[in-house]
Protein backbone atom coordinates (compact mmCIF):
# COMPACT_ATOMS: atom_id res chain seq x y z
CA MET A 1 -23.24 21.14 -8.08
CA ASN A 2 -26.17 18.94 -7.10
CA ILE A 3 -23.79 16.03 -6.53
CA ALA A 4 -21.67 18.18 -4.23
CA ARG A 5 -24.72 19.22 -2.23
CA ILE A 6 -25.89 15.61 -1.96
CA THR A 7 -22.44 14.54 -0.79
CA ILE A 8 -22.27 17.27 1.84
CA SER A 9 -25.80 16.43 3.03
CA MET A 10 -24.91 12.74 3.37
CA MET A 11 -21.78 13.61 5.34
CA VAL A 12 -23.75 15.84 7.69
CA ILE A 13 -26.37 13.14 8.23
CA THR A 14 -23.65 10.52 8.81
CA MET A 15 -21.82 12.66 11.36
CA ALA A 16 -25.10 13.44 13.13
CA ALA A 17 -25.95 9.75 13.27
CA ILE A 18 -22.51 8.93 14.71
CA GLY A 19 -22.92 11.63 17.33
CA PHE A 20 -26.34 10.26 18.26
CA LEU A 21 -24.92 6.71 18.59
CA MET A 22 -22.13 8.00 20.83
CA LEU A 23 -24.73 9.58 23.10
CA ALA A 24 -26.83 6.39 23.04
CA TYR A 25 -23.88 4.04 23.72
CA PRO A 26 -21.28 6.06 25.66
CA GLN A 27 -19.76 3.04 27.39
CA ALA A 28 -19.21 1.15 24.14
CA ALA A 29 -17.70 4.25 22.51
CA TRP A 30 -15.30 4.80 25.43
CA GLU A 31 -14.19 1.14 25.55
CA ALA A 32 -13.65 1.07 21.76
CA GLY A 33 -11.55 4.23 21.96
CA VAL A 34 -9.41 2.72 24.72
CA THR A 35 -8.97 -0.47 22.68
CA GLY A 36 -7.92 1.47 19.58
CA LEU A 37 -5.48 3.54 21.60
CA ALA A 38 -3.99 0.37 23.12
CA ILE A 39 -3.48 -1.12 19.66
CA TRP A 40 -1.71 2.04 18.56
CA TRP A 41 0.58 2.33 21.60
CA GLU A 42 1.37 -1.33 22.25
CA VAL A 43 1.73 -2.58 18.66
CA LEU A 44 1.75 0.11 15.97
CA PHE A 45 3.96 2.74 17.58
CA PRO A 46 6.90 0.48 18.52
CA SER A 47 6.58 -1.48 15.27
CA LEU A 48 6.25 1.43 12.83
CA PHE A 49 7.86 4.55 14.28
CA PRO A 50 11.54 3.48 14.04
CA PHE A 51 11.07 2.41 10.44
CA PHE A 52 9.17 5.54 9.46
CA VAL A 53 12.28 7.43 10.55
CA ILE A 54 14.50 5.05 8.55
CA SER A 55 12.31 5.51 5.47
CA GLU A 56 12.60 9.30 5.72
CA LEU A 57 16.38 8.96 5.99
CA MET A 58 16.45 6.65 2.97
CA LEU A 59 14.51 9.22 0.97
CA GLY A 60 16.80 12.03 2.12
CA PHE A 61 19.93 10.10 1.16
CA GLY A 62 18.46 9.27 -2.26
CA ILE A 63 18.31 5.48 -1.83
CA VAL A 64 14.70 5.36 -3.02
CA HIS A 65 15.65 7.42 -6.09
CA PHE A 66 18.40 4.87 -6.73
CA LEU A 67 15.93 1.99 -6.68
CA GLY A 68 13.44 3.93 -8.78
CA LYS A 69 16.00 4.60 -11.50
CA LEU A 70 16.91 0.91 -11.58
CA LEU A 71 13.25 0.01 -12.08
CA ASP A 72 12.69 2.59 -14.84
CA PRO A 73 13.42 0.30 -17.84
CA LEU A 74 10.78 -2.23 -16.76
CA MET A 75 7.87 0.19 -16.48
CA LYS A 76 7.07 0.65 -20.18
CA PRO A 77 7.26 -2.96 -21.45
CA LEU A 78 5.51 -4.51 -18.46
CA PHE A 79 3.01 -1.89 -17.29
CA ARG A 80 2.73 0.58 -20.21
CA ILE A 81 3.83 3.41 -17.96
CA PRO A 82 6.69 5.87 -18.68
CA GLY A 83 9.98 5.28 -16.94
CA SER A 84 9.30 8.11 -14.50
CA GLY A 85 6.77 5.76 -12.92
CA GLY A 86 9.65 3.65 -11.61
CA PHE A 87 10.29 6.18 -8.87
CA VAL A 88 6.59 6.23 -7.97
CA ALA A 89 6.55 2.41 -7.80
CA ALA A 90 9.64 2.33 -5.57
CA MET A 91 8.24 5.00 -3.28
CA GLY A 92 4.79 3.41 -3.22
CA PHE A 93 6.09 -0.02 -2.25
CA ALA A 94 8.59 1.40 0.24
CA SER A 95 6.41 4.01 1.94
CA GLY A 96 2.91 2.51 1.51
CA TYR A 97 -0.44 4.13 0.87
CA PRO A 98 -1.18 6.85 -0.08
CA VAL A 99 2.32 7.99 -1.15
CA SER A 100 2.05 6.71 -4.72
CA ALA A 101 -1.18 8.64 -5.26
CA LYS A 102 0.53 11.90 -4.25
CA LEU A 103 3.52 11.29 -6.53
CA ALA A 104 1.36 10.15 -9.47
CA THR A 105 -0.73 13.32 -9.28
CA LYS A 106 2.48 15.37 -9.37
CA LEU A 107 3.59 13.56 -12.53
CA ARG A 108 0.14 14.14 -14.02
CA GLU A 109 0.23 17.84 -13.18
CA GLN A 110 3.59 18.10 -15.02
CA ARG A 111 2.09 16.20 -18.01
CA LEU A 112 4.76 13.50 -17.70
CA ILE A 113 2.04 10.84 -17.79
CA SER A 114 -1.42 10.70 -19.32
CA ARG A 115 -4.59 10.38 -17.27
CA VAL A 116 -4.96 6.66 -18.01
CA GLU A 117 -1.27 6.06 -17.24
CA GLY A 118 -1.71 7.86 -13.93
CA GLU A 119 -4.71 5.72 -13.07
CA ARG A 120 -2.76 2.57 -13.94
CA LEU A 121 0.15 3.73 -11.80
CA VAL A 122 -1.96 4.52 -8.74
CA ALA A 123 -3.89 1.25 -9.16
CA PHE A 124 -0.99 -1.15 -8.68
CA THR A 125 1.52 0.90 -6.68
CA THR A 126 -0.88 1.65 -3.81
CA SER A 127 0.12 -0.98 -1.28
CA SER A 128 1.03 -1.53 2.33
CA ASP A 129 4.54 -0.52 3.26
CA PRO A 130 6.89 -3.37 4.29
CA ILE A 131 7.31 -1.80 7.73
CA PHE A 132 3.62 -2.20 8.55
CA LEU A 133 3.40 -5.63 6.90
CA ILE A 134 6.42 -6.98 8.78
CA GLY A 135 6.50 -5.08 12.06
CA ALA A 136 2.81 -4.61 12.82
CA VAL A 137 0.96 -7.45 11.05
CA SER A 138 3.43 -10.37 10.93
CA VAL A 139 5.29 -9.75 14.19
CA GLY A 140 2.87 -7.59 16.16
CA PHE A 141 -0.49 -9.23 15.37
CA PHE A 142 0.41 -12.78 14.31
CA GLY A 143 3.42 -13.04 16.62
CA SER A 144 5.82 -14.56 14.08
CA SER A 145 8.26 -12.93 11.69
CA LYS A 146 8.35 -16.11 9.59
CA LEU A 147 4.94 -15.26 8.21
CA ALA A 148 6.30 -12.04 6.72
CA GLY A 149 7.92 -13.76 3.74
CA ILE A 150 4.85 -15.41 2.25
CA LEU A 151 2.62 -12.46 3.21
CA ALA A 152 4.94 -10.04 1.43
CA LEU A 153 5.24 -12.34 -1.58
CA ALA A 154 1.46 -12.60 -1.89
CA HIS A 155 0.88 -8.86 -1.34
CA TYR A 156 3.59 -7.41 -3.60
CA GLY A 157 3.49 -10.26 -6.11
CA SER A 158 -0.22 -9.74 -6.65
CA ALA A 159 0.43 -5.98 -6.97
CA LEU A 160 2.79 -6.66 -9.88
CA LEU A 161 0.25 -9.04 -11.43
CA LEU A 162 -2.33 -6.29 -11.08
CA GLY A 163 0.03 -3.92 -12.88
CA VAL A 164 0.29 -6.34 -15.80
CA ILE A 165 -3.51 -6.66 -15.88
CA MET A 166 -3.97 -2.87 -15.74
CA ARG A 167 -1.74 -2.39 -18.81
CA PHE A 168 -4.78 -3.39 -20.90
CA TYR A 169 -6.96 -0.75 -19.24
CA GLY A 170 -7.97 2.33 -21.25
CA THR A 171 -5.96 1.61 -24.40
CA LYS A 172 -8.05 3.76 -26.77
CA GLN A 173 -8.62 6.54 -24.27
CA ASP A 174 -4.89 6.62 -23.49
CA ALA A 175 -4.05 7.50 -27.11
CA LEU A 176 -6.50 10.42 -27.07
CA ASP A 177 -5.20 11.69 -23.72
CA GLN A 178 -1.62 11.59 -24.94
CA LYS A 179 -2.55 13.72 -27.99
CA VAL A 180 -4.16 16.32 -25.75
CA ASP A 181 -1.16 16.32 -23.40
CA LEU A 182 1.18 16.72 -26.37
CA GLN A 183 -0.73 19.78 -27.52
CA ILE A 184 -0.57 21.31 -24.05
CA LYS A 185 3.17 20.62 -23.85
CA THR A 186 3.67 22.25 -27.26
CA VAL A 187 1.88 25.40 -26.13
CA LYS A 188 3.91 25.59 -22.90
CA VAL A 189 7.24 24.43 -24.36
CA ASN A 190 8.98 27.79 -24.10
CA SER A 191 8.15 28.23 -20.40
CA SER A 192 8.55 24.67 -19.21
CA ALA A 193 11.31 23.17 -21.36
CA SER A 194 14.04 23.79 -18.83
CA SER A 195 12.06 22.27 -15.97
CA SER A 196 10.76 19.22 -17.85
CA LYS A 197 14.09 18.19 -19.33
CA PRO A 198 15.65 16.70 -16.17
CA SER A 199 12.46 14.71 -15.53
CA GLU A 200 12.82 12.66 -18.73
CA PRO A 201 13.70 9.09 -17.72
CA SER A 202 16.37 6.91 -19.27
CA ALA A 203 15.19 4.01 -21.43
CA ARG A 204 18.14 1.84 -20.58
CA PHE A 205 19.32 0.10 -17.46
CA SER A 206 22.38 1.76 -15.95
CA LEU A 207 23.89 1.42 -12.51
CA ARG A 208 25.82 4.63 -13.18
CA LEU A 209 22.61 6.59 -13.85
CA ALA A 210 21.04 5.11 -10.72
CA LEU A 211 24.00 6.22 -8.60
CA LYS A 212 23.86 9.61 -10.31
CA ALA A 213 20.15 9.92 -9.46
CA MET A 214 20.90 9.07 -5.82
CA HIS A 215 23.70 11.64 -5.72
CA GLU A 216 21.52 14.35 -7.29
CA ALA A 217 18.67 13.57 -4.91
CA ARG A 218 21.05 13.93 -1.96
CA GLN A 219 22.39 17.23 -3.32
CA ASN A 220 18.91 18.58 -3.99
CA ASP A 221 17.87 17.63 -0.46
CA GLY A 222 20.79 19.58 0.99
CA ARG A 223 20.00 18.89 4.65
CA SER A 224 22.69 17.93 7.12
CA LEU A 225 22.47 14.60 8.92
CA GLY A 226 21.31 16.25 12.14
CA GLU A 227 18.64 18.31 10.41
CA LEU A 228 17.52 15.32 8.35
CA LEU A 229 17.20 13.16 11.45
CA LYS A 230 15.31 15.88 13.32
CA GLN A 231 12.81 16.37 10.51
CA ALA A 232 12.49 12.61 10.03
CA VAL A 233 11.53 12.16 13.67
CA SER A 234 9.12 15.10 13.54
CA SER A 235 7.33 13.97 10.37
CA SER A 236 7.22 10.37 11.63
CA LEU A 237 5.57 11.49 14.88
CA GLN A 238 2.98 13.44 12.89
CA LEU A 239 2.30 10.43 10.71
CA MET A 240 1.98 8.16 13.77
CA ALA A 241 -0.54 10.62 15.25
CA VAL A 242 -2.63 10.40 12.07
CA VAL A 243 -2.42 6.58 12.10
CA GLY A 244 -3.47 6.48 15.75
CA GLY A 245 -6.34 8.87 15.16
CA LEU A 246 -7.69 6.76 12.28
CA VAL A 247 -7.42 3.56 14.31
CA VAL A 248 -9.27 5.06 17.29
CA PHE A 249 -11.90 6.70 15.07
CA PHE A 250 -12.78 3.57 13.10
CA SER A 251 -12.58 1.42 16.23
CA VAL A 252 -15.28 3.58 17.79
CA ILE A 253 -17.37 3.54 14.58
CA LEU A 254 -17.28 -0.25 14.29
CA GLU A 255 -18.16 -0.73 17.96
CA LEU A 256 -21.07 1.71 17.75
CA LEU A 257 -22.45 -0.01 14.64
CA THR A 258 -22.09 -3.38 16.34
CA ALA A 259 -23.71 -2.24 19.60
CA SER A 260 -26.65 -0.73 17.70
CA GLY A 261 -27.20 -3.93 15.73
CA MET A 262 -26.54 -2.29 12.34
CA MET A 263 -23.69 -4.69 11.58
CA THR A 264 -25.82 -7.81 11.96
CA LEU A 265 -27.00 -7.83 8.36
CA LEU A 266 -23.50 -7.18 7.03
CA TYR A 267 -22.03 -9.94 9.19
CA ALA A 268 -24.72 -12.34 7.97
CA SER A 269 -24.00 -11.48 4.34
CA VAL A 270 -20.26 -12.00 4.78
CA HIS A 271 -20.93 -15.28 6.64
CA SER A 272 -22.93 -16.57 3.68
CA PHE A 273 -20.31 -15.45 1.17
CA LEU A 274 -17.47 -17.12 3.13
CA SER A 275 -19.47 -20.35 3.31
CA LEU A 276 -19.82 -20.36 -0.47
CA THR A 277 -16.08 -19.81 -0.97
CA GLY A 278 -15.11 -22.49 1.54
CA LEU A 279 -13.43 -20.07 3.98
CA PRO A 280 -14.20 -20.24 7.73
CA SER A 281 -17.21 -18.14 8.68
CA ALA A 282 -15.32 -16.93 11.76
CA LEU A 283 -13.40 -14.59 9.45
CA ALA A 284 -16.52 -12.51 8.81
CA GLU A 285 -15.66 -10.00 11.54
CA PRO A 286 -12.06 -9.46 10.31
CA PHE A 287 -13.27 -8.94 6.75
CA VAL A 288 -15.92 -6.43 7.84
CA GLY A 289 -13.41 -4.60 10.04
CA GLY A 290 -10.89 -4.58 7.18
CA ILE A 291 -13.45 -2.95 4.89
CA PHE A 292 -13.36 0.12 7.15
CA GLU A 293 -9.78 0.20 8.48
CA VAL A 294 -6.79 -1.96 7.57
CA THR A 295 -5.19 -2.05 11.05
CA LEU A 296 -8.34 -3.21 12.84
CA GLY A 297 -9.06 -5.78 10.15
CA ALA A 298 -5.53 -7.21 10.19
CA LYS A 299 -5.57 -7.46 13.99
CA ALA A 300 -8.96 -9.18 13.92
CA ALA A 301 -7.73 -11.62 11.27
CA ALA A 302 -5.06 -12.92 13.65
CA ALA A 303 -7.50 -13.37 16.55
CA PRO A 304 -9.73 -16.42 15.80
CA VAL A 305 -8.16 -19.45 17.51
CA SER A 306 -10.26 -22.06 15.71
CA VAL A 307 -9.30 -20.85 12.22
CA PRO A 308 -6.24 -22.38 10.50
CA LEU A 309 -3.32 -20.00 10.14
CA MET A 310 -3.40 -20.33 6.36
CA HIS A 311 -6.91 -18.90 6.18
CA LYS A 312 -6.14 -16.15 8.69
CA ALA A 313 -3.10 -15.14 6.64
CA ALA A 314 -5.21 -15.13 3.46
CA ALA A 315 -7.71 -12.81 5.16
CA ALA A 316 -4.87 -10.52 6.23
CA ALA A 317 -3.51 -10.51 2.67
CA PHE A 318 -6.91 -9.44 1.32
CA ILE A 319 -7.30 -6.72 3.96
CA LEU A 320 -3.80 -5.32 3.36
CA SER A 321 -4.44 -5.18 -0.39
CA TRP A 322 -7.92 -3.69 -0.05
CA GLY A 323 -6.58 -0.95 2.21
CA GLY A 324 -9.74 0.00 4.08
CA LEU A 325 -12.10 2.92 3.53
CA SER A 326 -9.74 5.19 5.46
CA VAL A 327 -7.08 4.71 2.77
CA HIS A 328 -9.70 5.00 0.02
CA ALA A 329 -10.80 8.36 1.43
CA GLN A 330 -7.22 9.65 1.50
CA VAL A 331 -6.52 8.49 -2.07
CA ALA A 332 -9.84 9.83 -3.39
CA SER A 333 -9.10 13.28 -1.95
CA ILE A 334 -5.64 13.25 -3.55
CA LEU A 335 -6.92 12.11 -6.96
CA ASN A 336 -9.58 14.78 -6.83
CA GLY A 337 -6.79 17.37 -7.00
CA ALA A 338 -5.93 16.16 -10.51
CA ASP A 339 -8.09 14.69 -13.26
CA LEU A 340 -7.48 11.10 -12.16
CA ARG A 341 -10.62 9.05 -11.53
CA TYR A 342 -11.39 7.07 -8.37
CA ALA A 343 -13.42 4.25 -10.02
CA PRO A 344 -10.37 2.43 -11.53
CA PHE A 345 -8.64 2.60 -8.15
CA LEU A 346 -11.67 1.11 -6.41
CA ALA A 347 -11.86 -1.79 -8.88
CA ALA A 348 -8.10 -2.33 -8.65
CA ARG A 349 -8.21 -2.56 -4.82
CA LEU A 350 -10.83 -5.30 -5.00
CA ILE A 351 -8.90 -7.22 -7.67
CA HIS A 352 -5.68 -6.80 -5.69
CA GLY A 353 -7.30 -8.19 -2.54
CA ILE A 354 -8.65 -11.26 -4.35
CA LEU A 355 -5.33 -11.88 -6.13
CA ALA A 356 -3.36 -11.56 -2.88
CA ALA A 357 -5.58 -13.99 -0.96
CA ALA A 358 -5.60 -16.49 -3.83
CA LEU A 359 -1.83 -16.25 -4.33
CA LEU A 360 -1.17 -16.83 -0.63
CA LEU A 361 -3.40 -19.92 -0.60
CA LEU A 362 -1.66 -21.27 -3.71
CA LEU A 363 1.83 -20.68 -2.30
CA TRP A 364 1.13 -21.82 1.25
CA GLU A 365 1.91 -25.53 0.91
CA PRO A 366 5.10 -25.07 -1.19
CA PHE A 367 6.47 -22.53 1.28
CA MET A 368 4.89 -23.40 4.63
CA GLY A 369 3.70 -27.01 4.41
CA SER A 370 0.20 -28.07 5.47
CA PRO A 371 -0.52 -26.56 8.90
CA SER A 372 -3.86 -27.00 10.62
CA ASP A 373 -3.47 -24.46 13.38
CA ASP A 374 -1.23 -21.73 14.80
CA ALA A 375 0.66 -24.16 17.02
CA TRP A 376 2.32 -25.69 13.96
CA LEU A 377 4.10 -22.47 13.05
CA ASN A 378 5.12 -21.69 16.60
CA SER A 379 6.49 -25.18 17.20
CA LEU A 380 8.46 -25.06 13.98
CA TYR A 381 9.93 -21.58 14.23
CA GLY A 382 9.38 -20.55 17.80
CA GLU A 383 7.17 -17.81 19.21
CA MET A 384 8.20 -14.31 18.18
CA PRO A 385 7.91 -11.43 20.64
CA ALA A 386 5.31 -8.78 19.83
CA GLY A 387 5.16 -5.09 20.59
CA TRP A 388 8.19 -3.18 21.82
CA SER A 389 10.41 -6.26 22.06
CA SER A 390 9.93 -7.07 18.36
CA ILE A 391 11.92 -4.11 17.00
CA PRO A 392 15.32 -5.87 16.53
CA ASP A 393 13.77 -8.83 14.70
CA ALA A 394 11.63 -6.63 12.49
CA PHE A 395 14.65 -4.43 11.70
CA LEU A 396 16.61 -7.44 10.45
CA ILE A 397 13.70 -8.47 8.23
CA PHE A 398 13.51 -4.92 6.90
CA LEU A 399 17.18 -5.10 5.91
CA LYS A 400 16.54 -8.44 4.22
CA LEU A 401 13.70 -6.88 2.26
CA ILE A 402 16.04 -4.12 1.03
CA SER A 403 18.43 -6.86 -0.12
CA ILE A 404 15.58 -8.54 -1.98
CA LEU A 405 14.80 -5.23 -3.74
CA LEU A 406 18.42 -5.01 -4.88
CA ILE A 407 18.24 -8.58 -6.21
CA LEU A 408 15.04 -7.68 -8.06
CA SER A 409 16.81 -4.71 -9.62
CA LEU A 410 19.48 -7.10 -10.92
CA LEU A 411 16.76 -9.29 -12.39
CA ALA A 412 15.29 -6.16 -13.94
CA ARG A 413 18.57 -5.59 -15.76
CA ILE A 414 18.56 -9.13 -17.12
CA ILE A 415 14.93 -8.91 -18.26
CA HIS A 416 15.56 -5.54 -19.87
CA ARG A 417 18.49 -6.89 -21.86
CA LEU A 418 16.40 -9.83 -23.07
CA LEU A 419 13.55 -7.53 -24.08
CA THR A 420 15.98 -5.19 -25.88
CA ARG A 421 17.51 -8.07 -27.83
CA ALA A 422 14.07 -9.41 -28.75
CA GLU A 423 12.97 -5.96 -29.94
CA GLY A 424 16.15 -5.60 -32.01
CA ARG A 425 15.61 -8.96 -33.68
CA SER A 426 11.98 -8.14 -34.48
CA ARG A 427 13.06 -4.90 -36.17
CA LYS A 428 15.57 -6.77 -38.32
């Protein structure tokens, strides 16, 4: 109770301080709001809105359920998560934060996963959606779709590495939680047996079961194409309004803190840290902006002209993986509805950001050569249009990414067969 009162008091003091700063620096607040609104309308809306609609249609037609069922057999051996987590992983990577947190809490409420398994699941499946990574960051901010490949590889590859690392988290506690969950299931077996039975995942890879899951998802949805499209547009507009509001809000906050001089110490600290790591100190502002809001940080990462593209892309990879305090606040509020803890998620975001930046730097020369500035990429691939004119190019990349997911599902089948054979030999 005391903690709740302290939290409420801190929020009230913070809001009062922000209001005072807005009164003290009205011009800076207004200009920051206009800048945030311009980012939303000129870059985010044309880059994200069409693909938000497509994502809703994919969910309504059961395509995401199809991919989730294909990924089911890999979840237990690689990540120590039940097969039902495959759907959460597919939805998390396809729809972005904080979708996986919402789905993981639903699984936890149904006792399909333990508390530690839920925390593992949220930790590595909370990521940027490919629409934002490709359309907004790569094409909209950096002006080149060719950067999307290595940025996606670093972001999602490091997420999978994080999942493997998180499989060692909470081993002893997980066993205790599963015993408690088993007892609760036993008590409620008569009332919940019929509802929990369809949720049990298959332990084997099957294209037939994946197609069946897609068909059942489409039947359960039951909406006509016209109704599905109408609701997809409506929900996408609501989501875009939330995105725009967060961008404008944190844009104003950052500008007020900068105008009041409160950010000077933080900038100096980040400058010193970047100097120790060998990264350009000009990236201090993008990193600080990315701590608060992912869109503002990613846009700022693409801005410094004197910084090599490799380092700017590494900063963007870290910011996308960290997610920003706006995403952290959304996830924390969702986890609070269940018994999932926020601390593992916070640690996982930091690890994910470091892994993503390091992986991009390691893969840059094999994939992109040794560029020294932005002109190298533009001269090699050509300048890509940003904003509204980037939609056709980003749509093609989005289709390519779906093809890559299908290829990964085929690799999942091969890996599952190898693991099954190895397990059979060990039993013999």
